[in-house]
Amino acid sequence: MSKTSTDDVVRVGSRVRVQDADGEDEFTIVAECEADALADRVSAESPFGRALLGHRVGDRVMFRAPGGIMGVTVVAVR
């Protein structure tokens, strides 16, 4: 039996682990006023945060960064 869950969808408050060519990173998606790069808190209003919202484990996510278009794969959502 297949279980559909919204728990694995990236949303504000989610702890997300992503993988790119350089390895894995983990951070929390937060409101803009709570963002803090040194504390691994990414704003949901940033290009990266906006791109991740609504995605699930296994999804490939592309976003615009200062260095150009970047991509990550979502490997975990808590």
N, C-alpha and C. Protein backbone atom coordinates (compact mmCIF):
# COMPACT_ATOMS: atom_id res chain seq x y z
N MET A 1 0.83 -1.17 0.00
CA MET A 1 0.00 0.00 0.00
C MET A 1 0.88 1.24 0.00
N SER A 2 0.60 2.19 -0.88
CA SER A 2 1.37 3.42 -1.00
C SER A 2 0.91 4.44 0.03
N LYS A 3 1.87 5.08 0.65
CA LYS A 3 1.54 6.09 1.64
C LYS A 3 1.92 7.46 1.09
N THR A 4 0.97 8.35 1.01
CA THR A 4 1.24 9.71 0.57
C THR A 4 1.34 10.57 1.81
N SER A 5 2.42 11.33 1.91
CA SER A 5 2.65 12.15 3.09
C SER A 5 3.13 13.52 2.67
N THR A 6 2.68 14.53 3.38
CA THR A 6 3.19 15.87 3.14
C THR A 6 4.40 16.14 4.01
N ASP A 7 4.77 15.19 4.88
CA ASP A 7 5.92 15.38 5.77
C ASP A 7 7.23 15.45 5.01
N ASP A 8 7.29 14.88 3.81
CA ASP A 8 8.53 14.87 3.05
C ASP A 8 8.60 15.99 2.02
N VAL A 9 7.70 16.96 2.13
CA VAL A 9 7.69 18.11 1.23
C VAL A 9 8.43 19.26 1.91
N VAL A 10 9.32 19.91 1.17
CA VAL A 10 10.06 21.05 1.72
C VAL A 10 9.10 22.22 1.91
N ARG A 11 9.11 22.78 3.11
CA ARG A 11 8.28 23.93 3.47
C ARG A 11 9.03 24.76 4.51
N VAL A 12 8.53 25.91 4.85
CA VAL A 12 9.15 26.73 5.90
C VAL A 12 9.16 25.89 7.18
N GLY A 13 10.31 25.81 7.81
CA GLY A 13 10.49 25.01 9.02
C GLY A 13 11.13 23.66 8.76
N SER A 14 11.20 23.23 7.51
CA SER A 14 11.81 21.94 7.18
C SER A 14 13.32 21.99 7.36
N ARG A 15 13.86 20.89 7.83
CA ARG A 15 15.31 20.68 7.84
C ARG A 15 15.59 19.88 6.57
N VAL A 16 16.44 20.41 5.68
CA VAL A 16 16.64 19.84 4.36
C VAL A 16 18.11 19.49 4.16
N ARG A 17 18.37 18.30 3.58
CA ARG A 17 19.73 17.92 3.18
C ARG A 17 19.72 17.80 1.67
N VAL A 18 20.69 18.47 1.04
CA VAL A 18 20.81 18.44 -0.42
C VAL A 18 22.21 17.99 -0.80
N GLN A 19 22.32 17.49 -2.03
CA GLN A 19 23.62 17.06 -2.55
C GLN A 19 23.86 17.75 -3.88
N ASP A 20 25.11 18.20 -4.06
CA ASP A 20 25.54 18.73 -5.35
C ASP A 20 26.89 18.11 -5.67
N ALA A 21 27.56 18.63 -6.68
CA ALA A 21 28.84 18.06 -7.10
C ALA A 21 29.91 18.14 -6.02
N ASP A 22 29.77 19.07 -5.08
CA ASP A 22 30.75 19.26 -4.02
C ASP A 22 30.46 18.47 -2.75
N GLY A 23 29.32 17.77 -2.68
CA GLY A 23 28.98 17.01 -1.48
C GLY A 23 27.60 17.36 -0.98
N GLU A 24 27.37 17.15 0.32
CA GLU A 24 26.07 17.38 0.93
C GLU A 24 26.11 18.56 1.88
N ASP A 25 24.97 19.25 1.97
CA ASP A 25 24.77 20.35 2.93
C ASP A 25 23.40 20.16 3.56
N GLU A 26 23.28 20.61 4.81
CA GLU A 26 22.01 20.52 5.51
C GLU A 26 21.69 21.88 6.13
N PHE A 27 20.43 22.27 6.07
CA PHE A 27 20.02 23.58 6.58
C PHE A 27 18.52 23.56 6.84
N THR A 28 18.04 24.62 7.50
CA THR A 28 16.62 24.79 7.78
C THR A 28 16.08 25.92 6.93
N ILE A 29 14.88 25.73 6.36
CA ILE A 29 14.20 26.78 5.60
C ILE A 29 13.42 27.62 6.61
N VAL A 30 13.66 28.94 6.62
CA VAL A 30 13.06 29.83 7.62
C VAL A 30 12.48 31.07 6.95
N ALA A 31 11.73 31.84 7.74
CA ALA A 31 11.24 33.15 7.28
C ALA A 31 12.44 34.06 7.08
N GLU A 32 12.28 35.05 6.23
CA GLU A 32 13.39 35.94 5.90
C GLU A 32 14.03 36.57 7.13
N CYS A 33 13.22 36.97 8.12
CA CYS A 33 13.75 37.62 9.32
C CYS A 33 14.58 36.69 10.19
N GLU A 34 14.50 35.36 9.97
CA GLU A 34 15.25 34.38 10.76
C GLU A 34 16.47 33.84 10.04
N ALA A 35 16.68 34.25 8.79
CA ALA A 35 17.78 33.71 7.98
C ALA A 35 19.13 34.05 8.60
N ASP A 36 20.04 33.07 8.57
CA ASP A 36 21.39 33.24 9.11
C ASP A 36 22.28 32.17 8.48
N ALA A 37 23.08 32.56 7.51
CA ALA A 37 23.93 31.61 6.79
C ALA A 37 24.88 30.88 7.73
N LEU A 38 25.40 31.57 8.74
CA LEU A 38 26.34 30.93 9.67
C LEU A 38 25.67 29.86 10.53
N ALA A 39 24.35 29.97 10.70
CA ALA A 39 23.60 28.98 11.48
C ALA A 39 22.84 28.01 10.58
N ASP A 40 23.17 27.99 9.28
CA ASP A 40 22.53 27.08 8.32
C ASP A 40 21.02 27.28 8.27
N ARG A 41 20.60 28.57 8.26
CA ARG A 41 19.19 28.93 8.18
C ARG A 41 18.98 29.73 6.89
N VAL A 42 18.31 29.12 5.91
CA VAL A 42 18.13 29.70 4.58
C VAL A 42 16.74 30.32 4.49
N SER A 43 16.67 31.57 4.01
CA SER A 43 15.40 32.26 3.85
C SER A 43 14.54 31.59 2.77
N ALA A 44 13.26 31.40 3.08
CA ALA A 44 12.31 30.87 2.10
C ALA A 44 12.10 31.86 0.96
N GLU A 45 12.45 33.13 1.17
CA GLU A 45 12.28 34.16 0.14
C GLU A 45 13.51 34.29 -0.76
N SER A 46 14.61 33.63 -0.42
CA SER A 46 15.81 33.68 -1.26
C SER A 46 15.57 32.84 -2.52
N PRO A 47 16.34 33.08 -3.58
CA PRO A 47 16.17 32.24 -4.77
C PRO A 47 16.31 30.74 -4.48
N PHE A 48 17.27 30.38 -3.64
CA PHE A 48 17.48 28.98 -3.28
C PHE A 48 16.30 28.45 -2.47
N GLY A 49 15.89 29.19 -1.46
CA GLY A 49 14.75 28.77 -0.64
C GLY A 49 13.48 28.62 -1.44
N ARG A 50 13.18 29.62 -2.28
CA ARG A 50 11.98 29.56 -3.13
C ARG A 50 12.00 28.36 -4.06
N ALA A 51 13.18 28.06 -4.61
CA ALA A 51 13.30 26.93 -5.54
C ALA A 51 13.02 25.60 -4.83
N LEU A 52 13.43 25.48 -3.57
CA LEU A 52 13.27 24.22 -2.84
C LEU A 52 11.84 23.96 -2.37
N LEU A 53 11.09 25.02 -2.08
CA LEU A 53 9.74 24.86 -1.52
C LEU A 53 8.87 23.98 -2.42
N GLY A 54 8.22 23.00 -1.79
CA GLY A 54 7.32 22.10 -2.51
C GLY A 54 7.98 20.86 -3.08
N HIS A 55 9.30 20.79 -3.04
CA HIS A 55 9.99 19.62 -3.58
C HIS A 55 10.10 18.51 -2.53
N ARG A 56 10.42 17.31 -3.02
CA ARG A 56 10.51 16.11 -2.17
C ARG A 56 11.87 15.44 -2.35
N VAL A 57 12.14 14.47 -1.48
CA VAL A 57 13.36 13.66 -1.58
C VAL A 57 13.45 13.06 -2.98
N GLY A 58 14.63 13.18 -3.58
CA GLY A 58 14.86 12.65 -4.91
C GLY A 58 14.71 13.68 -6.01
N ASP A 59 14.04 14.80 -5.71
CA ASP A 59 13.84 15.84 -6.73
C ASP A 59 15.15 16.57 -7.02
N ARG A 60 15.36 16.87 -8.28
CA ARG A 60 16.48 17.71 -8.71
C ARG A 60 15.94 19.13 -8.81
N VAL A 61 16.61 20.08 -8.14
CA VAL A 61 16.13 21.46 -8.05
C VAL A 61 17.18 22.39 -8.65
N MET A 62 16.76 23.21 -9.59
CA MET A 62 17.63 24.20 -10.23
C MET A 62 17.26 25.58 -9.69
N PHE A 63 18.28 26.43 -9.50
CA PHE A 63 18.03 27.79 -9.01
C PHE A 63 19.13 28.71 -9.51
N ARG A 64 18.81 30.00 -9.53
CA ARG A 64 19.76 31.00 -9.98
C ARG A 64 20.59 31.48 -8.79
N ALA A 65 21.90 31.36 -8.91
CA ALA A 65 22.85 31.81 -7.89
C ALA A 65 23.73 32.90 -8.49
N PRO A 66 24.48 33.63 -7.67
CA PRO A 66 25.35 34.67 -8.22
C PRO A 66 26.30 34.15 -9.30
N GLY A 67 26.71 32.90 -9.21
CA GLY A 67 27.63 32.33 -10.20
C GLY A 67 26.94 31.70 -11.40
N GLY A 68 25.61 31.79 -11.47
CA GLY A 68 24.87 31.20 -12.58
C GLY A 68 23.84 30.20 -12.09
N ILE A 69 23.32 29.40 -13.00
CA ILE A 69 22.32 28.40 -12.65
C ILE A 69 23.00 27.23 -11.95
N MET A 70 22.46 26.85 -10.79
CA MET A 70 23.01 25.75 -9.99
C MET A 70 21.93 24.70 -9.81
N GLY A 71 22.34 23.49 -9.46
CA GLY A 71 21.39 22.42 -9.21
C GLY A 71 21.79 21.59 -8.02
N VAL A 72 20.79 21.13 -7.27
CA VAL A 72 21.00 20.24 -6.13
C VAL A 72 19.94 19.15 -6.19
N THR A 73 20.21 18.05 -5.51
CA THR A 73 19.22 16.97 -5.36
C THR A 73 18.84 16.92 -3.89
N VAL A 74 17.55 16.89 -3.61
CA VAL A 74 17.05 16.78 -2.23
C VAL A 74 17.26 15.35 -1.78
N VAL A 75 18.02 15.15 -0.68
CA VAL A 75 18.27 13.79 -0.18
C VAL A 75 17.56 13.48 1.13
N ALA A 76 17.11 14.51 1.86
CA ALA A 76 16.37 14.26 3.09
C ALA A 76 15.57 15.51 3.46
N VAL A 77 14.39 15.29 4.03
CA VAL A 77 13.55 16.37 4.54
C VAL A 77 13.03 15.93 5.89
N ARG A 78 13.22 16.76 6.91
CA ARG A 78 12.69 16.47 8.26
C ARG A 78 11.92 17.68 8.73
